[in-house]
Amino acid sequence: MRINEFIELLKGEFDFLESTQISPDSKLYDTFGGSSLNLLFLRGIIGEHFEVNLIDQEIKDCETLNDLYTKIYSHLENKPS
């Protein structure tokens, strides 16, 4: 999945993002706010679509959507086959 497809996936899962202009450089906090519910939902989406379990701190350490995308794929690369 490419970064733009990842962004479209997020827009499809979060209703409030449908009309929002977001890009790989969009700040994660600005995009999702500080809501712990959004963080929990985001973790669920990542787990469901990528079979990767990120802890809250890993997501909080990501500054941009691209950082989050990179973090997800770093976990996929390190998964045993």
Protein backbone atom coordinates (compact mmCIF):
# COMPACT_ATOMS: atom_id res chain seq x y z
CA MET A 1 0.00 0.00 0.00
CA ARG A 2 1.35 3.42 -0.92
CA ILE A 3 1.14 6.45 1.36
CA ASN A 4 -1.69 8.02 -0.64
CA GLU A 5 -3.69 4.79 -0.38
CA PHE A 6 -3.01 4.80 3.36
CA ILE A 7 -4.39 8.34 3.59
CA GLU A 8 -7.49 7.32 1.62
CA LEU A 9 -7.95 4.36 3.97
CA LEU A 10 -7.87 6.73 6.96
CA LYS A 11 -10.33 9.09 5.27
CA GLY A 12 -12.68 6.16 4.70
CA GLU A 13 -12.48 5.08 8.33
CA PHE A 14 -12.73 8.52 9.97
CA ASP A 15 -15.82 10.40 8.81
CA PHE A 16 -14.43 13.76 9.91
CA LEU A 17 -11.47 13.37 7.51
CA GLU A 18 -13.56 12.93 4.35
CA SER A 19 -13.66 16.65 3.57
CA THR A 20 -10.26 17.43 5.08
CA GLN A 21 -7.19 18.07 2.97
CA ILE A 22 -4.48 15.87 4.41
CA SER A 23 -1.12 14.83 3.02
CA PRO A 24 1.83 12.70 4.10
CA ASP A 25 3.24 15.79 5.85
CA SER A 26 0.05 16.48 7.83
CA LYS A 27 0.71 16.57 11.54
CA LEU A 28 -0.77 13.56 13.30
CA TYR A 29 -1.94 15.60 16.29
CA ASP A 30 -3.57 18.23 14.06
CA THR A 31 -5.28 15.54 11.99
CA PHE A 32 -6.67 13.42 14.84
CA GLY A 33 -6.50 15.81 17.77
CA GLY A 34 -5.58 14.67 21.23
CA SER A 35 -8.54 12.34 21.57
CA SER A 36 -7.65 9.05 23.22
CA LEU A 37 -10.71 7.57 21.50
CA ASN A 38 -9.27 8.50 18.09
CA LEU A 39 -5.94 6.97 19.12
CA LEU A 40 -7.67 3.76 20.17
CA PHE A 41 -9.65 3.64 16.92
CA LEU A 42 -6.49 4.33 14.89
CA ARG A 43 -4.71 1.44 16.63
CA GLY A 44 -7.64 -0.81 15.75
CA ILE A 45 -7.55 0.21 12.09
CA ILE A 46 -3.81 -0.43 11.91
CA GLY A 47 -4.25 -3.82 13.54
CA GLU A 48 -7.11 -4.79 11.27
CA HIS A 49 -5.64 -3.65 7.96
CA PHE A 50 -1.95 -4.36 8.55
CA GLU A 51 -1.95 -6.98 11.32
CA VAL A 52 0.46 -4.77 13.25
CA ASN A 53 -0.04 -3.90 16.90
CA LEU A 54 1.44 -0.52 17.73
CA ILE A 55 1.50 0.67 21.31
CA ASP A 56 0.16 4.14 22.10
CA GLN A 57 3.63 5.61 22.57
CA GLU A 58 4.73 4.45 19.10
CA ILE A 59 1.84 6.36 17.58
CA LYS A 60 2.42 9.40 19.80
CA ASP A 61 6.08 9.44 18.72
CA CYS A 62 4.99 9.92 15.09
CA GLU A 63 4.85 13.57 14.12
CA THR A 64 3.28 13.19 10.65
CA LEU A 65 1.12 10.73 8.77
CA ASN A 66 4.23 9.71 6.85
CA ASP A 67 5.98 8.92 10.14
CA LEU A 68 3.06 6.68 11.11
CA TYR A 69 3.09 4.99 7.70
CA THR A 70 6.85 4.39 8.03
CA LYS A 71 6.39 3.00 11.56
CA ILE A 72 3.75 0.54 10.36
CA TYR A 73 5.94 -0.69 7.52
CA SER A 74 8.98 -1.01 9.79
CA HIS A 75 6.94 -3.45 11.88
CA LEU A 76 5.87 -5.35 8.76
CA GLU A 77 9.48 -5.70 7.63
CA ASN A 78 10.46 -7.12 11.02
CA LYS A 79 7.61 -9.64 11.20
CA PRO A 80 8.65 -13.26 10.92
CA SER A 81 7.39 -14.91 7.74
